[in-house]
Amino acid sequence: MTPDEFIRICEAIYGAGWQSKLARDLVREPRTIRRWKSGESPIPRAVVEWLKYKRG
């Protein structure tokens, strides 16, 4: 999943303030979410699958 796809899916699921909501749901530090968003760190496969499931 590219950072752009990640952002698009997360915005669709959570709406405004999606980064903090996602961090809370995944029990991750907000900095980790920012790294995924920027492409600095790869998004774990389990997270990608969970987001696809949650999106429906």
PDB file of N, CA and C in Angstrom:
ATOM      1  N   MET A   1       0.850  -1.171   0.000  1.00  0.00           N
ATOM      2  CA  MET A   1       0.000   0.000   0.000  1.00  0.00           C
ATOM      3  C   MET A   1       0.896   1.234   0.000  1.00  0.00           C
ATOM      4  N   THR A   2       0.596   2.147  -0.890  1.00  0.00           N
ATOM      5  CA  THR A   2       1.366   3.390  -0.945  1.00  0.00           C
ATOM      6  C   THR A   2       0.883   4.348   0.146  1.00  0.00           C
ATOM      7  N   PRO A   3       1.700   5.322   0.490  1.00  0.00           N
ATOM      8  CA  PRO A   3       1.240   6.321   1.463  1.00  0.00           C
ATOM      9  C   PRO A   3      -0.049   7.017   1.015  1.00  0.00           C
ATOM     10  N   ASP A   4      -0.192   7.301  -0.280  1.00  0.00           N
ATOM     11  CA  ASP A   4      -1.421   7.947  -0.765  1.00  0.00           C
ATOM     12  C   ASP A   4      -2.646   7.054  -0.577  1.00  0.00           C
ATOM     13  N   GLU A   5      -2.499   5.770  -0.856  1.00  0.00           N
ATOM     14  CA  GLU A   5      -3.604   4.825  -0.633  1.00  0.00           C
ATOM     15  C   GLU A   5      -3.939   4.743   0.850  1.00  0.00           C
ATOM     16  N   PHE A   6      -2.900   4.701   1.666  1.00  0.00           N
ATOM     17  CA  PHE A   6      -3.071   4.653   3.121  1.00  0.00           C
ATOM     18  C   PHE A   6      -3.878   5.851   3.601  1.00  0.00           C
ATOM     19  N   ILE A   7      -3.499   7.028   3.166  1.00  0.00           N
ATOM     20  CA  ILE A   7      -4.195   8.254   3.568  1.00  0.00           C
ATOM     21  C   ILE A   7      -5.647   8.212   3.104  1.00  0.00           C
ATOM     22  N   ARG A   8      -5.863   7.852   1.856  1.00  0.00           N
ATOM     23  CA  ARG A   8      -7.219   7.822   1.296  1.00  0.00           C
ATOM     24  C   ARG A   8      -8.127   6.854   2.064  1.00  0.00           C
ATOM     25  N   ILE A   9      -7.628   5.658   2.351  1.00  0.00           N
ATOM     26  CA  ILE A   9      -8.427   4.668   3.074  1.00  0.00           C
ATOM     27  C   ILE A   9      -8.701   5.135   4.499  1.00  0.00           C
ATOM     28  N   CYS A  10      -7.685   5.661   5.158  1.00  0.00           N
ATOM     29  CA  CYS A  10      -7.862   6.111   6.544  1.00  0.00           C
ATOM     30  C   CYS A  10      -8.837   7.276   6.635  1.00  0.00           C
ATOM     31  N   GLU A  11      -8.768   8.200   5.695  1.00  0.00           N
ATOM     32  CA  GLU A  11      -9.720   9.322   5.681  1.00  0.00           C
ATOM     33  C   GLU A  11     -11.142   8.819   5.449  1.00  0.00           C
ATOM     34  N   ALA A  12     -11.294   7.806   4.599  1.00  0.00           N
ATOM     35  CA  ALA A  12     -12.620   7.250   4.331  1.00  0.00           C
ATOM     36  C   ALA A  12     -13.190   6.547   5.562  1.00  0.00           C
ATOM     37  N   ILE A  13     -12.334   5.874   6.316  1.00  0.00           N
ATOM     38  CA  ILE A  13     -12.785   5.140   7.496  1.00  0.00           C
ATOM     39  C   ILE A  13     -13.053   6.078   8.666  1.00  0.00           C
ATOM     40  N   TYR A  14     -12.108   6.980   8.941  1.00  0.00           N
ATOM     41  CA  TYR A  14     -12.146   7.771  10.166  1.00  0.00           C
ATOM     42  C   TYR A  14     -12.568   9.221   9.992  1.00  0.00           C
ATOM     43  N   GLY A  15     -12.429   9.767   8.804  1.00  0.00           N
ATOM     44  CA  GLY A  15     -12.740  11.183   8.612  1.00  0.00           C
ATOM     45  C   GLY A  15     -11.672  12.072   9.222  1.00  0.00           C
ATOM     46  N   ALA A  16     -12.085  13.270   9.626  1.00  0.00           N
ATOM     47  CA  ALA A  16     -11.150  14.245  10.202  1.00  0.00           C
ATOM     48  C   ALA A  16     -10.495  13.677  11.456  1.00  0.00           C
ATOM     49  N   GLY A  17      -9.241  13.996  11.645  1.00  0.00           N
ATOM     50  CA  GLY A  17      -8.512  13.517  12.822  1.00  0.00           C
ATOM     51  C   GLY A  17      -8.179  12.039  12.762  1.00  0.00           C
ATOM     52  N   TRP A  18      -8.071  11.517  11.550  1.00  0.00           N
ATOM     53  CA  TRP A  18      -7.895  10.073  11.399  1.00  0.00           C
ATOM     54  C   TRP A  18      -6.609   9.539  12.004  1.00  0.00           C
ATOM     55  N   GLN A  19      -5.550  10.333  12.032  1.00  0.00           N
ATOM     56  CA  GLN A  19      -4.266   9.821  12.526  1.00  0.00           C
ATOM     57  C   GLN A  19      -4.339   9.431  14.000  1.00  0.00           C
ATOM     58  N   SER A  20      -4.913  10.282  14.822  1.00  0.00           N
ATOM     59  CA  SER A  20      -5.000   9.960  16.251  1.00  0.00           C
ATOM     60  C   SER A  20      -5.986   8.823  16.495  1.00  0.00           C
ATOM     61  N   LYS A  21      -7.057   8.770  15.719  1.00  0.00           N
ATOM     62  CA  LYS A  21      -8.035   7.686  15.870  1.00  0.00           C
ATOM     63  C   LYS A  21      -7.422   6.344  15.486  1.00  0.00           C
ATOM     64  N   LEU A  22      -6.663   6.339  14.403  1.00  0.00           N
ATOM     65  CA  LEU A  22      -6.009   5.107  13.971  1.00  0.00           C
ATOM     66  C   LEU A  22      -4.963   4.667  14.990  1.00  0.00           C
ATOM     67  N   ALA A  23      -4.172   5.599  15.482  1.00  0.00           N
ATOM     68  CA  ALA A  23      -3.155   5.274  16.492  1.00  0.00           C
ATOM     69  C   ALA A  23      -3.809   4.646  17.719  1.00  0.00           C
ATOM     70  N   ARG A  24      -4.935   5.200  18.134  1.00  0.00           N
ATOM     71  CA  ARG A  24      -5.651   4.658  19.294  1.00  0.00           C
ATOM     72  C   ARG A  24      -6.141   3.244  19.007  1.00  0.00           C
ATOM     73  N   ASP A  25      -6.775   3.040  17.853  1.00  0.00           N
ATOM     74  CA  ASP A  25      -7.317   1.721  17.526  1.00  0.00           C
ATOM     75  C   ASP A  25      -6.234   0.660  17.396  1.00  0.00           C
ATOM     76  N   LEU A  26      -5.075   1.049  16.875  1.00  0.00           N
ATOM     77  CA  LEU A  26      -3.990   0.086  16.674  1.00  0.00           C
ATOM     78  C   LEU A  26      -3.029   0.009  17.854  1.00  0.00           C
ATOM     79  N   VAL A  27      -3.261   0.831  18.863  1.00  0.00           N
ATOM     80  CA  VAL A  27      -2.381   0.925  20.033  1.00  0.00           C
ATOM     81  C   VAL A  27      -0.943   1.164  19.561  1.00  0.00           C
ATOM     82  N   ARG A  28      -0.797   2.212  18.774  1.00  0.00           N
ATOM     83  CA  ARG A  28       0.506   2.629  18.247  1.00  0.00           C
ATOM     84  C   ARG A  28       0.741   4.084  18.600  1.00  0.00           C
ATOM     85  N   GLU A  29       1.993   4.466  18.597  1.00  0.00           N
ATOM     86  CA  GLU A  29       2.342   5.869  18.822  1.00  0.00           C
ATOM     87  C   GLU A  29       1.930   6.691  17.597  1.00  0.00           C
ATOM     88  N   PRO A  30       1.445   7.901  17.810  1.00  0.00           N
ATOM     89  CA  PRO A  30       1.107   8.761  16.669  1.00  0.00           C
ATOM     90  C   PRO A  30       2.281   8.957  15.707  1.00  0.00           C
ATOM     91  N   ARG A  31       3.494   8.958  16.219  1.00  0.00           N
ATOM     92  CA  ARG A  31       4.673   9.108  15.364  1.00  0.00           C
ATOM     93  C   ARG A  31       4.771   7.962  14.352  1.00  0.00           C
ATOM     94  N   THR A  32       4.394   6.771  14.767  1.00  0.00           N
ATOM     95  CA  THR A  32       4.403   5.623  13.858  1.00  0.00           C
ATOM     96  C   THR A  32       3.445   5.856  12.698  1.00  0.00           C
ATOM     97  N   ILE A  33       2.273   6.380  12.991  1.00  0.00           N
ATOM     98  CA  ILE A  33       1.289   6.669  11.947  1.00  0.00           C
ATOM     99  C   ILE A  33       1.841   7.721  10.986  1.00  0.00           C
ATOM    100  N   ARG A  34       2.494   8.741  11.523  1.00  0.00           N
ATOM    101  CA  ARG A  34       3.086   9.782  10.675  1.00  0.00           C
ATOM    102  C   ARG A  34       4.179   9.206   9.773  1.00  0.00           C
ATOM    103  N   ARG A  35       4.943   8.254  10.285  1.00  0.00           N
ATOM    104  CA  ARG A  35       5.985   7.612   9.464  1.00  0.00           C
ATOM    105  C   ARG A  35       5.372   6.823   8.313  1.00  0.00           C
ATOM    106  N   TRP A  36       4.298   6.117   8.589  1.00  0.00           N
ATOM    107  CA  TRP A  36       3.607   5.387   7.528  1.00  0.00           C
ATOM    108  C   TRP A  36       3.043   6.364   6.503  1.00  0.00           C
ATOM    109  N   LYS A  37       2.449   7.443   6.989  1.00  0.00           N
ATOM    110  CA  LYS A  37       1.826   8.444   6.113  1.00  0.00           C
ATOM    111  C   LYS A  37       2.848   9.090   5.175  1.00  0.00           C
ATOM    112  N   SER A  38       4.032   9.344   5.699  1.00  0.00           N
ATOM    113  CA  SER A  38       5.066  10.013   4.900  1.00  0.00           C
ATOM    114  C   SER A  38       5.840   9.042   4.007  1.00  0.00           C
ATOM    115  N   GLY A  39       5.700   7.745   4.259  1.00  0.00           N
ATOM    116  CA  GLY A  39       6.474   6.756   3.516  1.00  0.00           C
ATOM    117  C   GLY A  39       7.830   6.487   4.141  1.00  0.00           C
ATOM    118  N   GLU A  40       8.086   7.098   5.293  1.00  0.00           N
ATOM    119  CA  GLU A  40       9.363   6.906   5.995  1.00  0.00           C
ATOM    120  C   GLU A  40       9.523   5.464   6.468  1.00  0.00           C
ATOM    121  N   SER A  41       8.413   4.847   6.882  1.00  0.00           N
ATOM    122  CA  SER A  41       8.418   3.450   7.323  1.00  0.00           C
ATOM    123  C   SER A  41       7.358   2.691   6.535  1.00  0.00           C
ATOM    124  N   PRO A  42       7.619   1.425   6.231  1.00  0.00           N
ATOM    125  CA  PRO A  42       6.604   0.641   5.522  1.00  0.00           C
ATOM    126  C   PRO A  42       5.408   0.346   6.428  1.00  0.00           C
ATOM    127  N   ILE A  43       4.256   0.262   5.824  1.00  0.00           N
ATOM    128  CA  ILE A  43       3.039  -0.068   6.567  1.00  0.00           C
ATOM    129  C   ILE A  43       3.002  -1.590   6.704  1.00  0.00           C
ATOM    130  N   PRO A  44       2.928  -2.103   7.927  1.00  0.00           N
ATOM    131  CA  PRO A  44       2.919  -3.559   8.106  1.00  0.00           C
ATOM    132  C   PRO A  44       1.746  -4.223   7.377  1.00  0.00           C
ATOM    133  N   ARG A  45       2.011  -5.384   6.843  1.00  0.00           N
ATOM    134  CA  ARG A  45       0.989  -6.119   6.092  1.00  0.00           C
ATOM    135  C   ARG A  45      -0.272  -6.345   6.922  1.00  0.00           C
ATOM    136  N   ALA A  46      -0.116  -6.655   8.190  1.00  0.00           N
ATOM    137  CA  ALA A  46      -1.281  -6.885   9.049  1.00  0.00           C
ATOM    138  C   ALA A  46      -2.144  -5.627   9.144  1.00  0.00           C
ATOM    139  N   VAL A  47      -1.518  -4.468   9.171  1.00  0.00           N
ATOM    140  CA  VAL A  47      -2.255  -3.204   9.228  1.00  0.00           C
ATOM    141  C   VAL A  47      -2.985  -2.973   7.909  1.00  0.00           C
ATOM    142  N   VAL A  48      -2.316  -3.240   6.803  1.00  0.00           N
ATOM    143  CA  VAL A  48      -2.949  -3.092   5.488  1.00  0.00           C
ATOM    144  C   VAL A  48      -4.188  -3.974   5.402  1.00  0.00           C
ATOM    145  N   GLU A  49      -4.068  -5.230   5.797  1.00  0.00           N
ATOM    146  CA  GLU A  49      -5.198  -6.161   5.739  1.00  0.00           C
ATOM    147  C   GLU A  49      -6.325  -5.710   6.660  1.00  0.00           C
ATOM    148  N   TRP A  50      -5.982  -5.229   7.848  1.00  0.00           N
ATOM    149  CA  TRP A  50      -6.988  -4.758   8.799  1.00  0.00           C
ATOM    150  C   TRP A  50      -7.742  -3.554   8.230  1.00  0.00           C
ATOM    151  N   LEU A  51      -7.022  -2.626   7.621  1.00  0.00           N
ATOM    152  CA  LEU A  51      -7.666  -1.448   7.029  1.00  0.00           C
ATOM    153  C   LEU A  51      -8.602  -1.846   5.891  1.00  0.00           C
ATOM    154  N   LYS A  52      -8.179  -2.783   5.061  1.00  0.00           N
ATOM    155  CA  LYS A  52      -9.032  -3.243   3.965  1.00  0.00           C
ATOM    156  C   LYS A  52     -10.296  -3.908   4.507  1.00  0.00           C
ATOM    157  N   TYR A  53     -10.145  -4.681   5.569  1.00  0.00           N
ATOM    158  CA  TYR A  53     -11.299  -5.321   6.204  1.00  0.00           C
ATOM    159  C   TYR A  53     -12.242  -4.265   6.781  1.00  0.00           C
ATOM    160  N   LYS A  54     -11.670  -3.309   7.489  1.00  0.00           N
ATOM    161  CA  LYS A  54     -12.476  -2.269   8.140  1.00  0.00           C
ATOM    162  C   LYS A  54     -13.197  -1.404   7.102  1.00  0.00           C
ATOM    163  N   ARG A  55     -12.545  -1.165   5.980  1.00  0.00           N
ATOM    164  CA  ARG A  55     -13.148  -0.364   4.908  1.00  0.00           C
ATOM    165  C   ARG A  55     -14.354  -1.084   4.300  1.00  0.00           C
ATOM    166  N   GLY A  56     -14.277  -2.415   4.298  1.00  0.00           N
ATOM    167  CA  GLY A  56     -15.396  -3.197   3.785  1.00  0.00           C
ATOM    168  C   GLY A  56     -15.360  -3.552   2.381  1.00  0.00           C
TER     169      GLY A  56
END
